């Protein structure tokens, strides 16, 4: 029996967490999307020109989210293979950055729905919470971009060191 090293055990745990997150998001969307799409016009007195484009934008964020999870899974595989400082890992980090920016843009495009729902309940904090959700992926994008630059500079140092020896 092959016992994993502590580094492989931690990446295995992170891979399981990514699978759990992706599965729970898919299960939530499979349950919640039909309910919202069919029951929205009955329960929410919002016109369809605000409701449906907003719902499309909000549910469209699932695609870049799951793609970013896939790239994070690939990044963990590169770490397992001792290829953390390589071009594919830089590409995975860049893709995660683009996915996070795409999620933020889609959330901001769905903000008229949040504004209309907040206006229905006369809740001024609803718009603020919606703006926080729309801006949260930008934090991930910034972190991934910084990490991408660090990995790129470490790769350049590694290549320079390989040439000097």
Protein backbone atom coordinates (compact mmCIF):
# COMPACT_ATOMS: atom_id res chain seq x y z
CA UNK A 1 0.00 0.00 0.00
CA UNK A 2 1.35 3.38 -1.01
CA UNK A 3 1.12 5.94 1.80
CA UNK A 4 0.90 9.52 0.48
CA UNK A 5 3.38 12.10 1.64
CA UNK A 6 2.12 14.98 3.80
CA UNK A 7 2.15 17.30 0.77
CA UNK A 8 0.17 14.80 -1.30
CA UNK A 9 -2.25 14.30 1.58
CA UNK A 10 -2.91 18.03 1.81
CA UNK A 11 -3.43 18.35 -1.95
CA UNK A 12 -5.68 15.28 -1.84
CA UNK A 13 -7.74 17.00 0.87
CA UNK A 14 -7.93 20.18 -1.22
CA UNK A 15 -8.98 18.17 -4.28
CA UNK A 16 -11.76 16.54 -2.27
CA UNK A 17 -12.89 19.97 -1.05
CA UNK A 18 -12.97 21.25 -4.65
CA UNK A 19 -15.04 18.24 -5.73
CA UNK A 20 -17.40 18.78 -2.78
CA UNK A 21 -17.81 22.47 -3.62
CA UNK A 22 -18.42 21.77 -7.30
CA UNK A 23 -20.91 19.00 -6.56
CA UNK A 24 -22.82 21.06 -4.04
CA UNK A 25 -23.02 24.02 -6.44
CA UNK A 26 -24.33 21.76 -9.21
CA UNK A 27 -26.85 20.13 -6.85
CA UNK A 28 -28.00 23.53 -5.58
CA UNK A 29 -28.44 24.84 -9.10
CA UNK A 30 -30.25 21.70 -10.26
CA UNK A 31 -32.72 22.17 -7.42
CA UNK A 32 -32.93 25.97 -7.25
CA UNK A 33 -32.84 26.97 -10.94
CA UNK A 34 -36.16 25.34 -12.00
CA UNK A 35 -37.89 26.67 -8.89
CA UNK A 36 -36.74 30.24 -9.50
CA UNK A 37 -37.27 30.19 -13.24
CA UNK A 38 -40.83 28.81 -13.12
CA UNK A 39 -42.02 30.37 -9.89
CA UNK A 40 -40.41 33.76 -10.26
CA UNK A 41 -43.16 35.48 -12.19
CA UNK A 42 -45.82 34.16 -9.79
CA UNK A 43 -44.12 35.27 -6.57
CA UNK A 44 -42.16 38.38 -7.53
CA UNK A 45 -44.10 41.31 -9.00
CA UNK A 46 -41.15 42.38 -11.16
CA UNK A 47 -41.44 42.86 -14.89
CA UNK A 48 -39.90 40.15 -17.05
CA UNK A 49 -37.44 42.52 -18.76
CA UNK A 50 -35.65 42.93 -15.40
CA UNK A 51 -36.27 39.48 -13.92
CA UNK A 52 -35.17 37.07 -16.63
CA UNK A 53 -31.98 38.84 -17.79
CA UNK A 54 -30.97 39.22 -14.15
CA UNK A 55 -31.57 35.52 -13.47
CA UNK A 56 -29.66 34.57 -16.63
CA UNK A 57 -26.68 36.68 -15.54
CA UNK A 58 -26.70 35.27 -12.02
CA UNK A 59 -27.02 31.64 -13.11
CA UNK A 60 -24.49 32.12 -15.94
CA UNK A 61 -21.81 32.67 -13.31
CA UNK A 62 -21.93 28.93 -12.66
CA UNK A 63 -19.96 28.30 -15.86
CA UNK A 64 -16.86 30.37 -15.03
CA UNK A 65 -17.07 29.26 -11.38
CA UNK A 66 -16.92 25.57 -12.30
CA UNK A 67 -14.21 26.24 -14.89
CA UNK A 68 -12.14 28.03 -12.23
CA UNK A 69 -12.62 25.03 -9.92
CA UNK A 70 -11.36 22.78 -12.70
CA UNK A 71 -8.29 24.98 -13.14
CA UNK A 72 -7.66 24.91 -9.38
CA UNK A 73 -7.88 21.11 -9.50
CA UNK A 74 -5.34 21.06 -12.34
CA UNK A 75 -3.09 23.39 -10.36
CA UNK A 76 -3.16 20.94 -7.46
CA UNK A 77 -2.22 18.16 -9.87
CA UNK A 78 0.78 20.21 -11.04
CA UNK A 79 1.81 20.66 -7.42
CA UNK A 80 1.58 16.89 -6.88
CA UNK A 81 3.86 16.30 -9.87
CA UNK A 82 6.41 18.91 -8.71
CA UNK A 83 5.49 21.18 -11.64
CA UNK A 84 4.17 24.04 -9.54
CA UNK A 85 6.59 26.48 -11.16
CA UNK A 86 5.81 25.82 -14.80
CA UNK A 87 4.00 27.41 -17.72
CA UNK A 88 0.86 25.27 -17.31
CA UNK A 89 0.46 26.46 -13.73
CA UNK A 90 0.85 30.07 -14.87
CA UNK A 91 -1.81 29.42 -17.52
CA UNK A 92 -4.13 27.89 -14.91
CA UNK A 93 -3.72 30.93 -12.65
CA UNK A 94 -4.39 33.27 -15.57
CA UNK A 95 -7.54 31.31 -16.41
CA UNK A 96 -8.70 31.53 -12.79
CA UNK A 97 -8.16 35.30 -12.99
CA UNK A 98 -10.26 35.58 -16.15
CA UNK A 99 -13.00 33.40 -14.68
CA UNK A 100 -13.17 35.54 -11.55
CA UNK A 101 -13.40 38.73 -13.59
CA UNK A 102 -16.12 37.14 -15.77
CA UNK A 103 -18.07 36.20 -12.64
CA UNK A 104 -17.82 39.74 -11.32
CA UNK A 105 -18.99 41.20 -14.63
CA UNK A 106 -21.94 38.81 -14.77
CA UNK A 107 -22.91 39.64 -11.20
CA UNK A 108 -22.75 43.36 -11.94
CA UNK A 109 -24.92 42.77 -15.01
CA UNK A 110 -27.50 41.11 -12.73
CA UNK A 111 -27.54 44.03 -10.30
CA UNK A 112 -30.75 45.56 -11.74
CA UNK A 113 -32.56 42.46 -10.45
CA UNK A 114 -31.03 42.93 -7.00
CA UNK A 115 -32.00 46.62 -7.08
CA UNK A 116 -35.58 45.75 -8.05
CA UNK A 117 -35.85 43.13 -5.29
CA UNK A 118 -34.38 45.53 -2.73
CA UNK A 119 -36.85 48.19 -3.87
CA UNK A 120 -39.75 45.77 -3.36
CA UNK A 121 -38.87 45.20 0.28
CA UNK A 122 -37.69 48.76 0.81
CA UNK A 123 -34.33 47.40 1.96
CA UNK A 124 -31.40 49.71 1.20
CA UNK A 125 -28.89 47.11 2.43
CA UNK A 126 -29.87 44.72 -0.36
CA UNK A 127 -28.02 46.75 -2.96
CA UNK A 128 -24.98 46.95 -0.71
CA UNK A 129 -24.98 43.18 -0.17
CA UNK A 130 -25.41 42.64 -3.92
CA UNK A 131 -22.48 44.94 -4.62
CA UNK A 132 -20.37 43.01 -2.11
CA UNK A 133 -21.23 39.73 -3.84
CA UNK A 134 -20.45 41.27 -7.22
CA UNK A 135 -17.09 42.58 -6.02
CA UNK A 136 -15.96 39.45 -4.13
CA UNK A 137 -14.67 37.64 -7.26
CA UNK A 138 -12.39 40.61 -7.90
CA UNK A 139 -10.53 39.75 -4.68
CA UNK A 140 -9.95 36.24 -6.03
CA UNK A 141 -8.87 37.68 -9.39
CA UNK A 142 -6.37 39.99 -7.69
CA UNK A 143 -4.96 37.17 -5.57
CA UNK A 144 -4.65 34.87 -8.61
CA UNK A 145 -2.95 37.63 -10.64
CA UNK A 146 -0.43 38.29 -7.86
CA UNK A 147 0.22 34.58 -7.47
CA UNK A 148 0.65 34.31 -11.24
CA UNK A 149 3.32 37.02 -11.20
CA UNK A 150 5.10 35.31 -8.30
CA UNK A 151 5.10 31.95 -10.07
CA UNK A 152 6.31 33.60 -13.28
CA UNK A 153 9.23 35.27 -11.48
CA UNK A 154 10.07 32.03 -9.63
CA UNK A 155 10.04 30.17 -12.95
CA UNK A 156 12.38 32.77 -14.44
CA UNK A 157 14.74 32.39 -11.45
CA UNK A 158 14.59 28.60 -11.78
CA UNK A 159 15.44 28.74 -15.48
CA UNK A 160 18.28 31.19 -14.80
CA UNK A 161 19.63 28.93 -12.08
CA UNK A 162 19.46 25.89 -14.37
CA UNK A 163 21.53 27.74 -16.97
CA UNK A 164 24.21 28.85 -14.47
CA UNK A 165 24.83 25.33 -13.13
